[in-house]
Amino acid sequence: MAEAATIGRPYAKAAFMSARDTKTLAAWSEALRSAAAFIAHPRIRDLLTNPKLTVDDLVALFAGLGGNAVDAHWQNFVRLLARNKRLEVLPEIAAQYEMLRAQYENELDVQVTSAVAMNPAHQAKLAAALKKRLKRDVRMTLGVDPTLLGGAVIRAGDMVIDGSINGRLQRLASELSS
């Protein structure tokens, strides 16, 4: 996996710089996300190794995924990937692009898993508290896990805040056993 990350890094950076310069960050996000999902299909993966397909054939195959906002730049990007036989790295490119975009926009994706669904007032209060603590805008993704019994687990990058009752019980059991 490290190899895909190493290979994808310069392409992700190039895609990001093109999107930033043309003010099409969201369109590029969508195009890369679509291409990454497209490439995951086994039949598409088989096509990538088909020696009968030309670079132009591959560009045509991926052209519609870019949408109107990034059409010419997207086709050039796909052409570059196809010419260098790097289309299979699109999922890694998409992931690295999103990290670059989030850093540029001073945003952080935060996964909040709570024991029960959070109402909009609690969501807003939590988002404000996280923004203050992390000094970044947060994009929250909410999930529900009834096994937590109560509270929530927050994941932001490599940071985990376990405020669940399960987490507290586990910490208490650990302290009592030592």
C-alpha atoms as a PDB file:
ATOM      1  CA  MET A   1       0.000   0.000   0.000  1.00  0.00           C
ATOM      2  CA  ALA A   2       2.908   2.345   0.644  1.00  0.00           C
ATOM      3  CA  GLU A   3       3.838   2.055  -3.014  1.00  0.00           C
ATOM      4  CA  ALA A   4       0.395   3.260  -4.145  1.00  0.00           C
ATOM      5  CA  ALA A   5       0.656   6.183  -1.727  1.00  0.00           C
ATOM      6  CA  THR A   6       4.081   7.099  -3.070  1.00  0.00           C
ATOM      7  CA  ILE A   7       2.955   6.804  -6.677  1.00  0.00           C
ATOM      8  CA  GLY A   8      -0.294   8.685  -6.093  1.00  0.00           C
ATOM      9  CA  ARG A   9       1.168  11.625  -4.164  1.00  0.00           C
ATOM     10  CA  PRO A  10       2.490  13.700  -7.111  1.00  0.00           C
ATOM     11  CA  TYR A  11      -0.686  13.078  -9.116  1.00  0.00           C
ATOM     12  CA  ALA A  12      -2.878  14.111  -6.183  1.00  0.00           C
ATOM     13  CA  LYS A  13      -0.808  17.249  -5.754  1.00  0.00           C
ATOM     14  CA  ALA A  14      -1.081  18.064  -9.471  1.00  0.00           C
ATOM     15  CA  ALA A  15      -4.851  17.497  -9.407  1.00  0.00           C
ATOM     16  CA  PHE A  16      -5.182  19.679  -6.326  1.00  0.00           C
ATOM     17  CA  MET A  17      -3.114  22.504  -7.821  1.00  0.00           C
ATOM     18  CA  SER A  18      -5.176  22.424 -11.020  1.00  0.00           C
ATOM     19  CA  ALA A  19      -8.432  22.437  -9.049  1.00  0.00           C
ATOM     20  CA  ARG A  20      -7.240  25.244  -6.778  1.00  0.00           C
ATOM     21  CA  ASP A  21      -6.072  27.382  -9.686  1.00  0.00           C
ATOM     22  CA  THR A  22      -9.346  26.913 -11.588  1.00  0.00           C
ATOM     23  CA  LYS A  23     -11.484  27.178  -8.425  1.00  0.00           C
ATOM     24  CA  THR A  24     -13.048  23.758  -9.025  1.00  0.00           C
ATOM     25  CA  LEU A  25     -12.098  21.961  -5.802  1.00  0.00           C
ATOM     26  CA  ALA A  26     -15.537  20.413  -5.254  1.00  0.00           C
ATOM     27  CA  ALA A  27     -15.872  19.295  -8.877  1.00  0.00           C
ATOM     28  CA  TRP A  28     -12.471  17.599  -8.746  1.00  0.00           C
ATOM     29  CA  SER A  29     -13.438  15.910  -5.474  1.00  0.00           C
ATOM     30  CA  GLU A  30     -16.527  14.478  -7.106  1.00  0.00           C
ATOM     31  CA  ALA A  31     -14.655  13.442 -10.255  1.00  0.00           C
ATOM     32  CA  LEU A  32     -11.911  11.680  -8.299  1.00  0.00           C
ATOM     33  CA  ARG A  33     -14.437  10.002  -5.994  1.00  0.00           C
ATOM     34  CA  SER A  34     -16.416   8.754  -9.014  1.00  0.00           C
ATOM     35  CA  ALA A  35     -13.273   7.553 -10.779  1.00  0.00           C
ATOM     36  CA  ALA A  36     -12.080   5.732  -7.657  1.00  0.00           C
ATOM     37  CA  ALA A  37     -15.434   3.948  -7.367  1.00  0.00           C
ATOM     38  CA  PHE A  38     -15.429   3.243 -11.119  1.00  0.00           C
ATOM     39  CA  ILE A  39     -11.965   1.716 -11.028  1.00  0.00           C
ATOM     40  CA  ALA A  40     -12.970  -0.612  -8.182  1.00  0.00           C
ATOM     41  CA  HIS A  41     -15.268  -2.543 -10.519  1.00  0.00           C
ATOM     42  CA  PRO A  42     -13.577  -5.809 -11.615  1.00  0.00           C
ATOM     43  CA  ARG A  43     -14.531  -5.404 -15.297  1.00  0.00           C
ATOM     44  CA  ILE A  44     -13.015  -1.930 -15.412  1.00  0.00           C
ATOM     45  CA  ARG A  45      -9.819  -3.228 -13.803  1.00  0.00           C
ATOM     46  CA  ASP A  46      -9.640  -5.874 -16.540  1.00  0.00           C
ATOM     47  CA  LEU A  47     -10.035  -3.195 -19.216  1.00  0.00           C
ATOM     48  CA  LEU A  48      -7.053  -1.275 -17.872  1.00  0.00           C
ATOM     49  CA  THR A  49      -4.744  -4.164 -18.706  1.00  0.00           C
ATOM     50  CA  ASN A  50      -6.269  -4.803 -22.137  1.00  0.00           C
ATOM     51  CA  PRO A  51      -3.488  -4.120 -24.682  1.00  0.00           C
ATOM     52  CA  LYS A  52      -6.066  -3.349 -27.408  1.00  0.00           C
ATOM     53  CA  LEU A  53      -7.243  -0.198 -25.628  1.00  0.00           C
ATOM     54  CA  THR A  54      -5.393   2.979 -26.509  1.00  0.00           C
ATOM     55  CA  VAL A  55      -4.810   5.949 -24.248  1.00  0.00           C
ATOM     56  CA  ASP A  56      -7.606   7.778 -26.093  1.00  0.00           C
ATOM     57  CA  ASP A  57      -9.968   4.837 -25.431  1.00  0.00           C
ATOM     58  CA  LEU A  58      -9.194   5.017 -21.726  1.00  0.00           C
ATOM     59  CA  VAL A  59      -9.640   8.801 -21.681  1.00  0.00           C
ATOM     60  CA  ALA A  60     -13.042   8.371 -23.343  1.00  0.00           C
ATOM     61  CA  LEU A  61     -13.968   5.736 -20.763  1.00  0.00           C
ATOM     62  CA  PHE A  62     -13.202   8.123 -17.881  1.00  0.00           C
ATOM     63  CA  ALA A  63     -14.170  11.419 -19.555  1.00  0.00           C
ATOM     64  CA  GLY A  64     -17.750  11.553 -18.314  1.00  0.00           C
ATOM     65  CA  LEU A  65     -16.706  11.185 -14.689  1.00  0.00           C
ATOM     66  CA  GLY A  66     -15.207  14.673 -14.614  1.00  0.00           C
ATOM     67  CA  GLY A  67     -18.443  16.477 -15.280  1.00  0.00           C
ATOM     68  CA  ASN A  68     -18.661  19.813 -17.074  1.00  0.00           C
ATOM     69  CA  ALA A  69     -16.766  21.850 -14.491  1.00  0.00           C
ATOM     70  CA  VAL A  70     -13.425  20.120 -15.007  1.00  0.00           C
ATOM     71  CA  ASP A  71     -13.850  18.632 -18.467  1.00  0.00           C
ATOM     72  CA  ALA A  72     -10.655  19.685 -20.312  1.00  0.00           C
ATOM     73  CA  HIS A  73      -8.417  19.542 -17.241  1.00  0.00           C
ATOM     74  CA  TRP A  74      -9.932  16.231 -16.196  1.00  0.00           C
ATOM     75  CA  GLN A  75      -9.342  14.674 -19.623  1.00  0.00           C
ATOM     76  CA  ASN A  76      -5.718  15.843 -19.599  1.00  0.00           C
ATOM     77  CA  PHE A  77      -5.296  14.403 -16.116  1.00  0.00           C
ATOM     78  CA  VAL A  78      -6.781  11.034 -17.145  1.00  0.00           C
ATOM     79  CA  ARG A  79      -4.649  11.062 -20.298  1.00  0.00           C
ATOM     80  CA  LEU A  80      -1.530  11.539 -18.165  1.00  0.00           C
ATOM     81  CA  LEU A  81      -2.545   8.686 -15.845  1.00  0.00           C
ATOM     82  CA  ALA A  82      -3.359   6.394 -18.775  1.00  0.00           C
ATOM     83  CA  ARG A  83      -0.120   7.205 -20.588  1.00  0.00           C
ATOM     84  CA  ASN A  84       1.879   6.432 -17.431  1.00  0.00           C
ATOM     85  CA  LYS A  85      -0.234   3.335 -16.652  1.00  0.00           C
ATOM     86  CA  ARG A  86      -1.342   4.788 -13.309  1.00  0.00           C
ATOM     87  CA  LEU A  87      -5.143   4.650 -13.566  1.00  0.00           C
ATOM     88  CA  GLU A  88      -5.248   1.861 -10.981  1.00  0.00           C
ATOM     89  CA  VAL A  89      -3.883   4.321  -8.392  1.00  0.00           C
ATOM     90  CA  LEU A  90      -6.964   6.579  -8.669  1.00  0.00           C
ATOM     91  CA  PRO A  91      -8.387   5.536  -5.261  1.00  0.00           C
ATOM     92  CA  GLU A  92      -5.150   6.599  -3.546  1.00  0.00           C
ATOM     93  CA  ILE A  93      -4.996   9.802  -5.582  1.00  0.00           C
ATOM     94  CA  ALA A  94      -8.569  10.621  -4.534  1.00  0.00           C
ATOM     95  CA  ALA A  95      -7.778  10.045  -0.843  1.00  0.00           C
ATOM     96  CA  GLN A  96      -4.643  12.191  -0.934  1.00  0.00           C
ATOM     97  CA  TYR A  97      -6.446  14.912  -2.886  1.00  0.00           C
ATOM     98  CA  GLU A  98      -9.111  15.090  -0.167  1.00  0.00           C
ATOM     99  CA  MET A  99      -6.421  15.488   2.508  1.00  0.00           C
ATOM    100  CA  LEU A 100      -4.817  18.330   0.545  1.00  0.00           C
ATOM    101  CA  ARG A 101      -8.201  19.985   0.023  1.00  0.00           C
ATOM    102  CA  ALA A 102      -9.141  19.710   3.696  1.00  0.00           C
ATOM    103  CA  GLN A 103      -5.795  21.193   4.715  1.00  0.00           C
ATOM    104  CA  TYR A 104      -6.185  24.043   2.214  1.00  0.00           C
ATOM    105  CA  GLU A 105      -9.733  24.777   3.356  1.00  0.00           C
ATOM    106  CA  ASN A 106      -8.695  24.411   7.010  1.00  0.00           C
ATOM    107  CA  GLU A 107     -11.244  21.649   7.497  1.00  0.00           C
ATOM    108  CA  LEU A 108     -11.183  18.350   9.299  1.00  0.00           C
ATOM    109  CA  ASP A 109     -13.442  15.349   8.812  1.00  0.00           C
ATOM    110  CA  VAL A 110     -14.785  14.144  12.136  1.00  0.00           C
ATOM    111  CA  GLN A 111     -16.628  10.852  12.682  1.00  0.00           C
ATOM    112  CA  VAL A 112     -19.008  10.964  15.653  1.00  0.00           C
ATOM    113  CA  THR A 113     -20.517   7.673  16.784  1.00  0.00           C
ATOM    114  CA  SER A 114     -23.091   8.043  19.526  1.00  0.00           C
ATOM    115  CA  ALA A 115     -25.318   5.646  21.430  1.00  0.00           C
ATOM    116  CA  VAL A 116     -28.463   7.418  20.152  1.00  0.00           C
ATOM    117  CA  ALA A 117     -29.116   9.780  17.262  1.00  0.00           C
ATOM    118  CA  MET A 118     -28.089  13.340  18.049  1.00  0.00           C
ATOM    119  CA  ASN A 119     -30.602  16.128  17.593  1.00  0.00           C
ATOM    120  CA  PRO A 120     -29.590  19.187  15.527  1.00  0.00           C
ATOM    121  CA  ALA A 121     -29.003  21.351  18.629  1.00  0.00           C
ATOM    122  CA  HIS A 122     -26.525  18.830  20.081  1.00  0.00           C
ATOM    123  CA  GLN A 123     -24.838  18.487  16.685  1.00  0.00           C
ATOM    124  CA  ALA A 124     -24.339  22.256  16.449  1.00  0.00           C
ATOM    125  CA  LYS A 125     -23.026  22.471  20.026  1.00  0.00           C
ATOM    126  CA  LEU A 126     -20.588  19.596  19.437  1.00  0.00           C
ATOM    127  CA  ALA A 127     -19.427  21.071  16.112  1.00  0.00           C
ATOM    128  CA  ALA A 128     -18.752  24.430  17.788  1.00  0.00           C
ATOM    129  CA  ALA A 129     -16.821  22.778  20.640  1.00  0.00           C
ATOM    130  CA  LEU A 130     -14.739  20.701  18.205  1.00  0.00           C
ATOM    131  CA  LYS A 131     -14.036  23.736  16.035  1.00  0.00           C
ATOM    132  CA  LYS A 132     -12.782  25.622  19.087  1.00  0.00           C
ATOM    133  CA  ARG A 133     -10.651  22.734  20.351  1.00  0.00           C
ATOM    134  CA  LEU A 134      -9.199  21.684  16.986  1.00  0.00           C
ATOM    135  CA  LYS A 135      -8.904  25.232  15.599  1.00  0.00           C
ATOM    136  CA  ARG A 136     -10.354  24.068  12.284  1.00  0.00           C
ATOM    137  CA  ASP A 137     -13.736  23.893  10.644  1.00  0.00           C
ATOM    138  CA  VAL A 138     -15.193  20.430  11.094  1.00  0.00           C
ATOM    139  CA  ARG A 139     -17.257  18.293   8.745  1.00  0.00           C
ATOM    140  CA  MET A 140     -19.094  15.835  10.945  1.00  0.00           C
ATOM    141  CA  THR A 141     -20.257  12.421   9.866  1.00  0.00           C
ATOM    142  CA  LEU A 142     -22.688  10.964  12.346  1.00  0.00           C
ATOM    143  CA  GLY A 143     -23.273   7.327  13.210  1.00  0.00           C
ATOM    144  CA  VAL A 144     -25.208   5.416  15.840  1.00  0.00           C
ATOM    145  CA  ASP A 145     -23.924   2.414  17.805  1.00  0.00           C
ATOM    146  CA  PRO A 146     -26.333   1.292  20.557  1.00  0.00           C
ATOM    147  CA  THR A 147     -23.632  -0.931  22.093  1.00  0.00           C
ATOM    148  CA  LEU A 148     -21.946   2.222  23.437  1.00  0.00           C
ATOM    149  CA  LEU A 149     -24.743   2.387  26.053  1.00  0.00           C
ATOM    150  CA  GLY A 150     -24.391   6.188  26.253  1.00  0.00           C
ATOM    151  CA  GLY A 151     -22.108   9.031  25.237  1.00  0.00           C
ATOM    152  CA  ALA A 152     -20.101   9.135  22.020  1.00  0.00           C
ATOM    153  CA  VAL A 153     -16.781   8.305  20.375  1.00  0.00           C
ATOM    154  CA  ILE A 154     -15.212  11.043  18.251  1.00  0.00           C
ATOM    155  CA  ARG A 155     -12.557  10.308  15.636  1.00  0.00           C
ATOM    156  CA  ALA A 156     -10.695  13.161  13.945  1.00  0.00           C
ATOM    157  CA  GLY A 157      -7.673  12.042  11.962  1.00  0.00           C
ATOM    158  CA  ASP A 158      -5.519  10.008  14.342  1.00  0.00           C
ATOM    159  CA  MET A 159      -7.157  11.490  17.446  1.00  0.00           C
ATOM    160  CA  VAL A 160      -9.869   9.520  19.269  1.00  0.00           C
ATOM    161  CA  ILE A 161     -11.974  10.937  22.089  1.00  0.00           C
ATOM    162  CA  ASP A 162     -13.883   8.148  23.789  1.00  0.00           C
ATOM    163  CA  GLY A 163     -16.648   9.670  25.861  1.00  0.00           C
ATOM    164  CA  SER A 164     -18.830   6.579  25.756  1.00  0.00           C
ATOM    165  CA  ILE A 165     -20.051   4.724  28.813  1.00  0.00           C
ATOM    166  CA  ASN A 166     -18.400   1.581  27.430  1.00  0.00           C
ATOM    167  CA  GLY A 167     -15.072   3.417  27.266  1.00  0.00           C
ATOM    168  CA  ARG A 168     -15.450   4.699  30.805  1.00  0.00           C
ATOM    169  CA  LEU A 169     -16.326   1.229  32.095  1.00  0.00           C
ATOM    170  CA  GLN A 170     -13.298  -0.263  30.340  1.00  0.00           C
ATOM    171  CA  ARG A 171     -10.998   2.395  31.831  1.00  0.00           C
ATOM    172  CA  LEU A 172     -12.486   1.789  35.292  1.00  0.00           C
ATOM    173  CA  ALA A 173     -12.029  -1.988  34.953  1.00  0.00           C
ATOM    174  CA  SER A 174      -8.426  -1.429  33.851  1.00  0.00           C
ATOM    175  CA  GLU A 175      -7.717   0.828  36.841  1.00  0.00           C
ATOM    176  CA  LEU A 176      -9.293  -1.614  39.293  1.00  0.00           C
ATOM    177  CA  SER A 177      -7.341  -4.561  37.934  1.00  0.00           C
ATOM    178  CA  SER A 178      -3.959  -2.829  38.212  1.00  0.00           C
END
